[in-house]
Amino acid sequence: MENNNNKQQQGQFQIELPQEVAQGEYANFAIITHSSSDFVLDFARILPGVPKAMVKSRVILAPEHAKRLLVALKDNIVRYENTFGTIKLPQQEKGTIAPFNINKGEA
């Protein structure tokens, strides 16, 4: 019995979530680049009337971890859609994945 408990604990680890990270950063735009050894994910926030997007967070992943993230994200989207319904994407122009047009707003 003790041997089984040791096996279970070997596959588990604890994650600490610092207070300053816990609230997260809102991002509505991501830029993904890669080299032979890394994937770089820059998460940015684009706001109406602001001419420049500000990168709020950068995550650098090994290619293996990027693929694991892809699989985990696909799995979570399937589970989300099974619970809440299909996520609908608006029609987009060819060659772009941006979800919005950037127009200057008026006050």
PDB file of N, CA and C in Angstrom:
ATOM      1  N   MET A   1       0.827  -1.197   0.000  1.00  0.00           N
ATOM      2  CA  MET A   1       0.000   0.000   0.000  1.00  0.00           C
ATOM      3  C   MET A   1       0.870   1.260   0.000  1.00  0.00           C
ATOM      4  N   GLU A   2       1.915   1.247   0.795  1.00  0.00           N
ATOM      5  CA  GLU A   2       2.801   2.407   0.865  1.00  0.00           C
ATOM      6  C   GLU A   2       3.469   2.669  -0.481  1.00  0.00           C
ATOM      7  N   ASN A   3       3.799   1.604  -1.209  1.00  0.00           N
ATOM      8  CA  ASN A   3       4.425   1.731  -2.510  1.00  0.00           C
ATOM      9  C   ASN A   3       3.498   2.441  -3.499  1.00  0.00           C
ATOM     10  N   ASN A   4       2.197   2.166  -3.476  1.00  0.00           N
ATOM     11  CA  ASN A   4       1.231   2.839  -4.347  1.00  0.00           C
ATOM     12  C   ASN A   4       1.135   4.319  -4.024  1.00  0.00           C
ATOM     13  N   ASN A   5       1.161   4.685  -2.747  1.00  0.00           N
ATOM     14  CA  ASN A   5       1.111   6.092  -2.357  1.00  0.00           C
ATOM     15  C   ASN A   5       2.332   6.837  -2.862  1.00  0.00           C
ATOM     16  N   ASN A   6       3.494   6.210  -2.803  1.00  0.00           N
ATOM     17  CA  ASN A   6       4.717   6.846  -3.312  1.00  0.00           C
ATOM     18  C   ASN A   6       4.622   7.075  -4.812  1.00  0.00           C
ATOM     19  N   LYS A   7       4.056   6.101  -5.561  1.00  0.00           N
ATOM     20  CA  LYS A   7       3.903   6.249  -7.007  1.00  0.00           C
ATOM     21  C   LYS A   7       2.957   7.401  -7.332  1.00  0.00           C
ATOM     22  N   GLN A   8       1.860   7.526  -6.565  1.00  0.00           N
ATOM     23  CA  GLN A   8       0.912   8.610  -6.808  1.00  0.00           C
ATOM     24  C   GLN A   8       1.564   9.959  -6.542  1.00  0.00           C
ATOM     25  N   GLN A   9       2.335  10.065  -5.485  1.00  0.00           N
ATOM     26  CA  GLN A   9       2.945  11.348  -5.131  1.00  0.00           C
ATOM     27  C   GLN A   9       4.050  11.725  -6.101  1.00  0.00           C
ATOM     28  N   GLN A  10       4.713  10.748  -6.732  1.00  0.00           N
ATOM     29  CA  GLN A  10       5.770  11.055  -7.687  1.00  0.00           C
ATOM     30  C   GLN A  10       5.228  11.771  -8.918  1.00  0.00           C
ATOM     31  N   GLY A  11       3.997  11.494  -9.322  1.00  0.00           N
ATOM     32  CA  GLY A  11       3.409  12.117 -10.499  1.00  0.00           C
ATOM     33  C   GLY A  11       2.740  13.446 -10.216  1.00  0.00           C
ATOM     34  N   GLN A  12       2.738  13.882  -8.962  1.00  0.00           N
ATOM     35  CA  GLN A  12       2.075  15.125  -8.583  1.00  0.00           C
ATOM     36  C   GLN A  12       3.103  16.160  -8.139  1.00  0.00           C
ATOM     37  N   PHE A  13       2.743  17.417  -8.303  1.00  0.00           N
ATOM     38  CA  PHE A  13       3.577  18.505  -7.809  1.00  0.00           C
ATOM     39  C   PHE A  13       2.675  19.656  -7.425  1.00  0.00           C
ATOM     40  N   GLN A  14       3.210  20.558  -6.650  1.00  0.00           N
ATOM     41  CA  GLN A  14       2.445  21.714  -6.209  1.00  0.00           C
ATOM     42  C   GLN A  14       2.786  22.910  -7.077  1.00  0.00           C
ATOM     43  N   ILE A  15       1.801  23.765  -7.284  1.00  0.00           N
ATOM     44  CA  ILE A  15       1.993  24.991  -8.052  1.00  0.00           C
ATOM     45  C   ILE A  15       1.658  26.163  -7.145  1.00  0.00           C
ATOM     46  N   GLU A  16       2.552  27.127  -7.099  1.00  0.00           N
ATOM     47  CA  GLU A  16       2.313  28.331  -6.310  1.00  0.00           C
ATOM     48  C   GLU A  16       1.850  29.443  -7.246  1.00  0.00           C
ATOM     49  N   LEU A  17       0.813  30.151  -6.850  1.00  0.00           N
ATOM     50  CA  LEU A  17       0.280  31.258  -7.633  1.00  0.00           C
ATOM     51  C   LEU A  17       0.465  32.541  -6.827  1.00  0.00           C
ATOM     52  N   PRO A  18       1.530  33.307  -7.125  1.00  0.00           N
ATOM     53  CA  PRO A  18       1.776  34.540  -6.361  1.00  0.00           C
ATOM     54  C   PRO A  18       0.622  35.529  -6.521  1.00  0.00           C
ATOM     55  N   GLN A  19       0.373  36.310  -5.499  1.00  0.00           N
ATOM     56  CA  GLN A  19      -0.735  37.271  -5.476  1.00  0.00           C
ATOM     57  C   GLN A  19      -0.669  38.231  -6.658  1.00  0.00           C
ATOM     58  N   GLU A  20       0.522  38.694  -7.027  1.00  0.00           N
ATOM     59  CA  GLU A  20       0.638  39.674  -8.111  1.00  0.00           C
ATOM     60  C   GLU A  20       0.367  39.063  -9.491  1.00  0.00           C
ATOM     61  N   VAL A  21       0.335  37.742  -9.585  1.00  0.00           N
ATOM     62  CA  VAL A  21       0.049  37.056 -10.844  1.00  0.00           C
ATOM     63  C   VAL A  21      -1.386  36.539 -10.881  1.00  0.00           C
ATOM     64  N   ALA A  22      -2.003  36.368  -9.725  1.00  0.00           N
ATOM     65  CA  ALA A  22      -3.294  35.687  -9.598  1.00  0.00           C
ATOM     66  C   ALA A  22      -4.418  36.337 -10.405  1.00  0.00           C
ATOM     67  N   GLN A  23      -4.422  37.660 -10.527  1.00  0.00           N
ATOM     68  CA  GLN A  23      -5.503  38.315 -11.270  1.00  0.00           C
ATOM     69  C   GLN A  23      -5.309  38.232 -12.774  1.00  0.00           C
ATOM     70  N   GLY A  24      -4.138  37.903 -13.226  1.00  0.00           N
ATOM     71  CA  GLY A  24      -3.889  37.734 -14.647  1.00  0.00           C
ATOM     72  C   GLY A  24      -3.834  39.053 -15.398  1.00  0.00           C
ATOM     73  N   GLU A  25      -3.608  38.946 -16.682  1.00  0.00           N
ATOM     74  CA  GLU A  25      -3.585  40.082 -17.600  1.00  0.00           C
ATOM     75  C   GLU A  25      -4.570  39.796 -18.719  1.00  0.00           C
ATOM     76  N   TYR A  26      -5.407  40.771 -19.050  1.00  0.00           N
ATOM     77  CA  TYR A  26      -6.330  40.613 -20.166  1.00  0.00           C
ATOM     78  C   TYR A  26      -5.567  40.824 -21.466  1.00  0.00           C
ATOM     79  N   ALA A  27      -5.731  39.916 -22.408  1.00  0.00           N
ATOM     80  CA  ALA A  27      -5.130  40.056 -23.730  1.00  0.00           C
ATOM     81  C   ALA A  27      -6.180  39.675 -24.768  1.00  0.00           C
ATOM     82  N   ASN A  28      -6.258  40.458 -25.846  1.00  0.00           N
ATOM     83  CA  ASN A  28      -7.186  40.140 -26.928  1.00  0.00           C
ATOM     84  C   ASN A  28      -6.449  39.969 -28.256  1.00  0.00           C
ATOM     85  N   PHE A  29      -5.138  39.765 -28.170  1.00  0.00           N
ATOM     86  CA  PHE A  29      -4.314  39.610 -29.364  1.00  0.00           C
ATOM     87  C   PHE A  29      -3.061  38.829 -28.979  1.00  0.00           C
ATOM     88  N   ALA A  30      -2.646  37.897 -29.808  1.00  0.00           N
ATOM     89  CA  ALA A  30      -1.430  37.138 -29.543  1.00  0.00           C
ATOM     90  C   ALA A  30      -0.576  37.094 -30.793  1.00  0.00           C
ATOM     91  N   ILE A  31       0.714  37.215 -30.598  1.00  0.00           N
ATOM     92  CA  ILE A  31       1.681  37.101 -31.685  1.00  0.00           C
ATOM     93  C   ILE A  31       2.544  35.892 -31.351  1.00  0.00           C
ATOM     94  N   ILE A  32       2.647  34.962 -32.289  1.00  0.00           N
ATOM     95  CA  ILE A  32       3.418  33.750 -32.045  1.00  0.00           C
ATOM     96  C   ILE A  32       4.557  33.691 -33.048  1.00  0.00           C
ATOM     97  N   THR A  33       5.772  33.561 -32.541  1.00  0.00           N
ATOM     98  CA  THR A  33       6.951  33.400 -33.379  1.00  0.00           C
ATOM     99  C   THR A  33       7.711  32.176 -32.884  1.00  0.00           C
ATOM    100  N   HIS A  34       8.614  31.690 -33.721  1.00  0.00           N
ATOM    101  CA  HIS A  34       9.385  30.524 -33.296  1.00  0.00           C
ATOM    102  C   HIS A  34      10.747  30.493 -33.971  1.00  0.00           C
ATOM    103  N   SER A  35      11.648  29.784 -33.323  1.00  0.00           N
ATOM    104  CA  SER A  35      12.946  29.449 -33.890  1.00  0.00           C
ATOM    105  C   SER A  35      13.043  27.923 -33.853  1.00  0.00           C
ATOM    106  N   SER A  36      14.211  27.393 -34.144  1.00  0.00           N
ATOM    107  CA  SER A  36      14.357  25.932 -34.106  1.00  0.00           C
ATOM    108  C   SER A  36      14.268  25.386 -32.686  1.00  0.00           C
ATOM    109  N   SER A  37      14.458  26.250 -31.685  1.00  0.00           N
ATOM    110  CA  SER A  37      14.492  25.753 -30.309  1.00  0.00           C
ATOM    111  C   SER A  37      13.415  26.315 -29.393  1.00  0.00           C
ATOM    112  N   ASP A  38      12.690  27.352 -29.823  1.00  0.00           N
ATOM    113  CA  ASP A  38      11.717  27.983 -28.933  1.00  0.00           C
ATOM    114  C   ASP A  38      10.494  28.482 -29.692  1.00  0.00           C
ATOM    115  N   PHE A  39       9.361  28.522 -28.987  1.00  0.00           N
ATOM    116  CA  PHE A  39       8.171  29.233 -29.426  1.00  0.00           C
ATOM    117  C   PHE A  39       8.004  30.412 -28.480  1.00  0.00           C
ATOM    118  N   VAL A  40       7.730  31.590 -29.025  1.00  0.00           N
ATOM    119  CA  VAL A  40       7.525  32.790 -28.212  1.00  0.00           C
ATOM    120  C   VAL A  40       6.096  33.253 -28.432  1.00  0.00           C
ATOM    121  N   LEU A  41       5.343  33.336 -27.335  1.00  0.00           N
ATOM    122  CA  LEU A  41       3.959  33.802 -27.367  1.00  0.00           C
ATOM    123  C   LEU A  41       3.905  35.155 -26.676  1.00  0.00           C
ATOM    124  N   ASP A  42       3.609  36.196 -27.439  1.00  0.00           N
ATOM    125  CA  ASP A  42       3.425  37.534 -26.879  1.00  0.00           C
ATOM    126  C   ASP A  42       1.930  37.812 -26.831  1.00  0.00           C
ATOM    127  N   PHE A  43       1.424  38.110 -25.653  1.00  0.00           N
ATOM    128  CA  PHE A  43       0.011  38.415 -25.460  1.00  0.00           C
ATOM    129  C   PHE A  43      -0.123  39.922 -25.297  1.00  0.00           C
ATOM    130  N   ALA A  44      -0.973  40.527 -26.127  1.00  0.00           N
ATOM    131  CA  ALA A  44      -1.107  41.976 -26.157  1.00  0.00           C
ATOM    132  C   ALA A  44      -2.561  42.383 -25.966  1.00  0.00           C
ATOM    133  N   ARG A  45      -2.725  43.660 -25.706  1.00  0.00           N
ATOM    134  CA  ARG A  45      -4.050  44.243 -25.554  1.00  0.00           C
ATOM    135  C   ARG A  45      -4.177  45.361 -26.573  1.00  0.00           C
ATOM    136  N   ILE A  46      -5.183  45.236 -27.451  1.00  0.00           N
ATOM    137  CA  ILE A  46      -5.470  46.287 -28.433  1.00  0.00           C
ATOM    138  C   ILE A  46      -6.747  46.981 -27.981  1.00  0.00           C
ATOM    139  N   LEU A  47      -6.690  48.304 -27.892  1.00  0.00           N
ATOM    140  CA  LEU A  47      -7.844  49.080 -27.451  1.00  0.00           C
ATOM    141  C   LEU A  47      -8.223  50.101 -28.509  1.00  0.00           C
ATOM    142  N   PRO A  48      -9.518  50.392 -28.648  1.00  0.00           N
ATOM    143  CA  PRO A  48      -9.960  51.394 -29.619  1.00  0.00           C
ATOM    144  C   PRO A  48      -9.332  52.755 -29.311  1.00  0.00           C
ATOM    145  N   GLY A  49      -8.889  53.431 -30.355  1.00  0.00           N
ATOM    146  CA  GLY A  49      -8.328  54.766 -30.193  1.00  0.00           C
ATOM    147  C   GLY A  49      -6.881  54.787 -29.718  1.00  0.00           C
ATOM    148  N   VAL A  50      -6.318  53.631 -29.457  1.00  0.00           N
ATOM    149  CA  VAL A  50      -4.919  53.551 -29.037  1.00  0.00           C
ATOM    150  C   VAL A  50      -4.138  52.976 -30.213  1.00  0.00           C
ATOM    151  N   PRO A  51      -3.219  53.766 -30.784  1.00  0.00           N
ATOM    152  CA  PRO A  51      -2.571  53.346 -32.023  1.00  0.00           C
ATOM    153  C   PRO A  51      -1.557  52.213 -31.867  1.00  0.00           C
ATOM    154  N   LYS A  52      -1.143  51.922 -30.645  1.00  0.00           N
ATOM    155  CA  LYS A  52      -0.111  50.916 -30.445  1.00  0.00           C
ATOM    156  C   LYS A  52      -0.594  49.867 -29.445  1.00  0.00           C
ATOM    157  N   ALA A  53      -0.455  48.588 -29.816  1.00  0.00           N
ATOM    158  CA  ALA A  53      -0.805  47.501 -28.898  1.00  0.00           C
ATOM    159  C   ALA A  53       0.331  47.324 -27.900  1.00  0.00           C
ATOM    160  N   MET A  54      -0.010  47.086 -26.653  1.00  0.00           N
ATOM    161  CA  MET A  54       0.987  46.895 -25.610  1.00  0.00           C
ATOM    162  C   MET A  54       1.081  45.411 -25.265  1.00  0.00           C
ATOM    163  N   VAL A  55       2.276  44.830 -25.393  1.00  0.00           N
ATOM    164  CA  VAL A  55       2.478  43.445 -24.983  1.00  0.00           C
ATOM    165  C   VAL A  55       2.423  43.412 -23.460  1.00  0.00           C
ATOM    166  N   LYS A  56       1.528  42.572 -22.944  1.00  0.00           N
ATOM    167  CA  LYS A  56       1.318  42.489 -21.500  1.00  0.00           C
ATOM    168  C   LYS A  56       2.040  41.298 -20.891  1.00  0.00           C
ATOM    169  N   SER A  57       2.316  40.286 -21.710  1.00  0.00           N
ATOM    170  CA  SER A  57       2.960  39.091 -21.181  1.00  0.00           C
ATOM    171  C   SER A  57       3.661  38.347 -22.307  1.00  0.00           C
ATOM    172  N   ARG A  58       4.806  37.748 -22.002  1.00  0.00           N
ATOM    173  CA  ARG A  58       5.539  36.934 -22.970  1.00  0.00           C
ATOM    174  C   ARG A  58       5.801  35.578 -22.331  1.00  0.00           C
ATOM    175  N   VAL A  59       5.490  34.516 -23.081  1.00  0.00           N
ATOM    176  CA  VAL A  59       5.750  33.157 -22.615  1.00  0.00           C
ATOM    177  C   VAL A  59       6.633  32.488 -23.659  1.00  0.00           C
ATOM    178  N   ILE A  60       7.728  31.896 -23.200  1.00  0.00           N
ATOM    179  CA  ILE A  60       8.667  31.213 -24.089  1.00  0.00           C
ATOM    180  C   ILE A  60       8.605  29.720 -23.774  1.00  0.00           C
ATOM    181  N   LEU A  61       8.367  28.917 -24.815  1.00  0.00           N
ATOM    182  CA  LEU A  61       8.180  27.480 -24.647  1.00  0.00           C
ATOM    183  C   LEU A  61       9.122  26.691 -25.546  1.00  0.00           C
ATOM    184  N   ALA A  62       9.549  25.533 -25.061  1.00  0.00           N
ATOM    185  CA  ALA A  62      10.241  24.567 -25.914  1.00  0.00           C
ATOM    186  C   ALA A  62       9.204  24.021 -26.900  1.00  0.00           C
ATOM    187  N   PRO A  63       9.622  23.585 -28.083  1.00  0.00           N
ATOM    188  CA  PRO A  63       8.658  23.059 -29.056  1.00  0.00           C
ATOM    189  C   PRO A  63       7.766  21.949 -28.496  1.00  0.00           C
ATOM    190  N   GLU A  64       8.333  21.073 -27.673  1.00  0.00           N
ATOM    191  CA  GLU A  64       7.537  19.991 -27.083  1.00  0.00           C
ATOM    192  C   GLU A  64       6.445  20.547 -26.183  1.00  0.00           C
ATOM    193  N   HIS A  65       6.759  21.580 -25.408  1.00  0.00           N
ATOM    194  CA  HIS A  65       5.760  22.179 -24.528  1.00  0.00           C
ATOM    195  C   HIS A  65       4.709  22.949 -25.325  1.00  0.00           C
ATOM    196  N   ALA A  66       5.121  23.557 -26.438  1.00  0.00           N
ATOM    197  CA  ALA A  66       4.156  24.256 -27.293  1.00  0.00           C
ATOM    198  C   ALA A  66       3.141  23.253 -27.844  1.00  0.00           C
ATOM    199  N   LYS A  67       3.608  22.084 -28.246  1.00  0.00           N
ATOM    200  CA  LYS A  67       2.689  21.078 -28.767  1.00  0.00           C
ATOM    201  C   LYS A  67       1.785  20.548 -27.658  1.00  0.00           C
ATOM    202  N   ARG A  68       2.317  20.377 -26.458  1.00  0.00           N
ATOM    203  CA  ARG A  68       1.475  19.965 -25.326  1.00  0.00           C
ATOM    204  C   ARG A  68       0.407  21.018 -25.033  1.00  0.00           C
ATOM    205  N   LEU A  69       0.776  22.289 -25.135  1.00  0.00           N
ATOM    206  CA  LEU A  69      -0.179  23.373 -24.925  1.00  0.00           C
ATOM    207  C   LEU A  69      -1.277  23.311 -25.985  1.00  0.00           C
ATOM    208  N   LEU A  70      -0.911  23.077 -27.237  1.00  0.00           N
ATOM    209  CA  LEU A  70      -1.885  22.947 -28.314  1.00  0.00           C
ATOM    210  C   LEU A  70      -2.883  21.828 -28.015  1.00  0.00           C
ATOM    211  N   VAL A  71      -2.396  20.679 -27.610  1.00  0.00           N
ATOM    212  CA  VAL A  71      -3.266  19.538 -27.305  1.00  0.00           C
ATOM    213  C   VAL A  71      -4.180  19.869 -26.126  1.00  0.00           C
ATOM    214  N   ALA A  72      -3.615  20.476 -25.079  1.00  0.00           N
ATOM    215  CA  ALA A  72      -4.415  20.825 -23.897  1.00  0.00           C
ATOM    216  C   ALA A  72      -5.466  21.877 -24.238  1.00  0.00           C
ATOM    217  N   LEU A  73      -5.118  22.846 -25.063  1.00  0.00           N
ATOM    218  CA  LEU A  73      -6.068  23.883 -25.462  1.00  0.00           C
ATOM    219  C   LEU A  73      -7.202  23.280 -26.298  1.00  0.00           C
ATOM    220  N   LYS A  74      -6.859  22.400 -27.241  1.00  0.00           N
ATOM    221  CA  LYS A  74      -7.896  21.727 -28.041  1.00  0.00           C
ATOM    222  C   LYS A  74      -8.843  20.944 -27.139  1.00  0.00           C
ATOM    223  N   ASP A  75      -8.292  20.204 -26.184  1.00  0.00           N
ATOM    224  CA  ASP A  75      -9.104  19.412 -25.263  1.00  0.00           C
ATOM    225  C   ASP A  75     -10.035  20.307 -24.453  1.00  0.00           C
ATOM    226  N   ASN A  76      -9.517  21.424 -23.976  1.00  0.00           N
ATOM    227  CA  ASN A  76     -10.341  22.330 -23.183  1.00  0.00           C
ATOM    228  C   ASN A  76     -11.411  23.017 -24.018  1.00  0.00           C
ATOM    229  N   ILE A  77     -11.124  23.338 -25.271  1.00  0.00           N
ATOM    230  CA  ILE A  77     -12.138  23.946 -26.143  1.00  0.00           C
ATOM    231  C   ILE A  77     -13.259  22.949 -26.409  1.00  0.00           C
ATOM    232  N   VAL A  78     -12.915  21.685 -26.640  1.00  0.00           N
ATOM    233  CA  VAL A  78     -13.942  20.664 -26.839  1.00  0.00           C
ATOM    234  C   VAL A  78     -14.827  20.555 -25.604  1.00  0.00           C
ATOM    235  N   ARG A  79     -14.221  20.506 -24.415  1.00  0.00           N
ATOM    236  CA  ARG A  79     -15.010  20.404 -23.182  1.00  0.00           C
ATOM    237  C   ARG A  79     -15.855  21.651 -22.965  1.00  0.00           C
ATOM    238  N   TYR A  80     -15.312  22.836 -23.270  1.00  0.00           N
ATOM    239  CA  TYR A  80     -16.064  24.087 -23.147  1.00  0.00           C
ATOM    240  C   TYR A  80     -17.292  24.047 -24.057  1.00  0.00           C
ATOM    241  N   GLU A  81     -17.079  23.677 -25.334  1.00  0.00           N
ATOM    242  CA  GLU A  81     -18.184  23.671 -26.297  1.00  0.00           C
ATOM    243  C   GLU A  81     -19.229  22.604 -25.960  1.00  0.00           C
ATOM    244  N   ASN A  82     -18.808  21.502 -25.369  1.00  0.00           N
ATOM    245  CA  ASN A  82     -19.775  20.493 -24.925  1.00  0.00           C
ATOM    246  C   ASN A  82     -20.659  21.027 -23.806  1.00  0.00           C
ATOM    247  N   THR A  83     -20.114  21.917 -22.997  1.00  0.00           N
ATOM    248  CA  THR A  83     -20.871  22.484 -21.879  1.00  0.00           C
ATOM    249  C   THR A  83     -21.669  23.719 -22.285  1.00  0.00           C
ATOM    250  N   PHE A  84     -21.048  24.629 -23.041  1.00  0.00           N
ATOM    251  CA  PHE A  84     -21.641  25.944 -23.300  1.00  0.00           C
ATOM    252  C   PHE A  84     -22.079  26.170 -24.739  1.00  0.00           C
ATOM    253  N   GLY A  85     -21.781  25.264 -25.638  1.00  0.00           N
ATOM    254  CA  GLY A  85     -22.136  25.437 -27.039  1.00  0.00           C
ATOM    255  C   GLY A  85     -20.931  25.871 -27.872  1.00  0.00           C
ATOM    256  N   THR A  86     -21.123  25.829 -29.173  1.00  0.00           N
ATOM    257  CA  THR A  86     -20.053  26.139 -30.122  1.00  0.00           C
ATOM    258  C   THR A  86     -19.590  27.579 -29.996  1.00  0.00           C
ATOM    259  N   ILE A  87     -18.304  27.764 -30.015  1.00  0.00           N
ATOM    260  CA  ILE A  87     -17.719  29.110 -30.053  1.00  0.00           C
ATOM    261  C   ILE A  87     -17.772  29.558 -31.505  1.00  0.00           C
ATOM    262  N   LYS A  88     -18.471  30.649 -31.755  1.00  0.00           N
ATOM    263  CA  LYS A  88     -18.633  31.135 -33.124  1.00  0.00           C
ATOM    264  C   LYS A  88     -17.578  32.199 -33.414  1.00  0.00           C
ATOM    265  N   LEU A  89     -16.950  32.066 -34.571  1.00  0.00           N
ATOM    266  CA  LEU A  89     -15.993  33.066 -35.029  1.00  0.00           C
ATOM    267  C   LEU A  89     -16.630  33.844 -36.175  1.00  0.00           C
ATOM    268  N   PRO A  90     -16.490  35.176 -36.175  1.00  0.00           N
ATOM    269  CA  PRO A  90     -17.053  35.960 -37.279  1.00  0.00           C
ATOM    270  C   PRO A  90     -16.283  35.693 -38.566  1.00  0.00           C
ATOM    271  N   GLN A  91     -16.930  35.997 -39.695  1.00  0.00           N
ATOM    272  CA  GLN A  91     -16.247  35.891 -40.985  1.00  0.00           C
ATOM    273  C   GLN A  91     -14.994  36.755 -40.945  1.00  0.00           C
ATOM    274  N   GLN A  92     -13.918  36.217 -41.500  1.00  0.00           N
ATOM    275  CA  GLN A  92     -12.656  36.944 -41.488  1.00  0.00           C
ATOM    276  C   GLN A  92     -12.100  37.041 -42.894  1.00  0.00           C
ATOM    277  N   GLU A  93     -11.345  38.117 -43.119  1.00  0.00           N
ATOM    278  CA  GLU A  93     -10.689  38.269 -44.416  1.00  0.00           C
ATOM    279  C   GLU A  93      -9.625  37.200 -44.560  1.00  0.00           C
ATOM    280  N   LYS A  94      -9.363  36.792 -45.809  1.00  0.00           N
ATOM    281  CA  LYS A  94      -8.306  35.814 -46.052  1.00  0.00           C
ATOM    282  C   LYS A  94      -6.971  36.359 -45.581  1.00  0.00           C
ATOM    283  N   GLY A  95      -6.195  35.501 -44.924  1.00  0.00           N
ATOM    284  CA  GLY A  95      -4.852  35.881 -44.518  1.00  0.00           C
ATOM    285  C   GLY A  95      -4.776  36.563 -43.164  1.00  0.00           C
ATOM    286  N   THR A  96      -5.915  36.760 -42.504  1.00  0.00           N
ATOM    287  CA  THR A  96      -5.863  37.387 -41.191  1.00  0.00           C
ATOM    288  C   THR A  96      -6.654  36.548 -40.191  1.00  0.00           C
ATOM    289  N   ILE A  97      -6.232  36.600 -38.957  1.00  0.00           N
ATOM    290  CA  ILE A  97      -6.978  35.935 -37.902  1.00  0.00           C
ATOM    291  C   ILE A  97      -7.419  36.942 -36.842  1.00  0.00           C
ATOM    292  N   ALA A  98      -7.180  38.225 -37.126  1.00  0.00           N
ATOM    293  CA  ALA A  98      -7.582  39.274 -36.180  1.00  0.00           C
ATOM    294  C   ALA A  98      -9.101  39.286 -36.058  1.00  0.00           C
ATOM    295  N   PRO A  99      -9.619  39.350 -34.824  1.00  0.00           N
ATOM    296  CA  PRO A  99     -11.064  39.284 -34.634  1.00  0.00           C
ATOM    297  C   PRO A  99     -11.787  40.609 -34.764  1.00  0.00           C
ATOM    298  N   PHE A 100     -11.081  41.675 -35.132  1.00  0.00           N
ATOM    299  CA  PHE A 100     -11.724  42.989 -35.150  1.00  0.00           C
ATOM    300  C   PHE A 100     -10.999  43.909 -36.104  1.00  0.00           C
ATOM    301  N   ASN A 101     -11.695  44.957 -36.509  1.00  0.00           N
ATOM    302  CA  ASN A 101     -11.074  46.026 -37.289  1.00  0.00           C
ATOM    303  C   ASN A 101     -10.688  47.127 -36.325  1.00  0.00           C
ATOM    304  N   ILE A 102      -9.538  47.695 -36.541  1.00  0.00           N
ATOM    305  CA  ILE A 102      -9.098  48.780 -35.669  1.00  0.00           C
ATOM    306  C   ILE A 102      -9.540  50.095 -36.318  1.00  0.00           C
ATOM    307  N   ASN A 103     -10.546  50.708 -35.754  1.00  0.00           N
ATOM    308  CA  ASN A 103     -11.024  52.002 -36.214  1.00  0.00           C
ATOM    309  C   ASN A 103     -10.857  52.998 -35.078  1.00  0.00           C
ATOM    310  N   LYS A 104     -10.644  54.258 -35.430  1.00  0.00           N
ATOM    311  CA  LYS A 104     -10.548  55.274 -34.398  1.00  0.00           C
ATOM    312  C   LYS A 104     -11.952  55.602 -33.905  1.00  0.00           C
ATOM    313  N   GLY A 105     -12.095  55.597 -32.615  1.00  0.00           N
ATOM    314  CA  GLY A 105     -13.394  55.903 -32.015  1.00  0.00           C
ATOM    315  C   GLY A 105     -13.543  57.411 -31.805  1.00  0.00           C
ATOM    316  N   GLU A 106     -14.725  57.827 -31.520  1.00  0.00           N
ATOM    317  CA  GLU A 106     -14.998  59.211 -31.223  1.00  0.00           C
ATOM    318  C   GLU A 106     -15.531  59.343 -29.823  1.00  0.00           C
ATOM    319  N   ALA A 107     -15.164  60.427 -29.170  1.00  0.00           N
ATOM    320  CA  ALA A 107     -15.635  60.657 -27.799  1.00  0.00           C
ATOM    321  C   ALA A 107     -16.764  61.640 -27.812  1.00  0.00           C
TER     322      ALA A 107
END
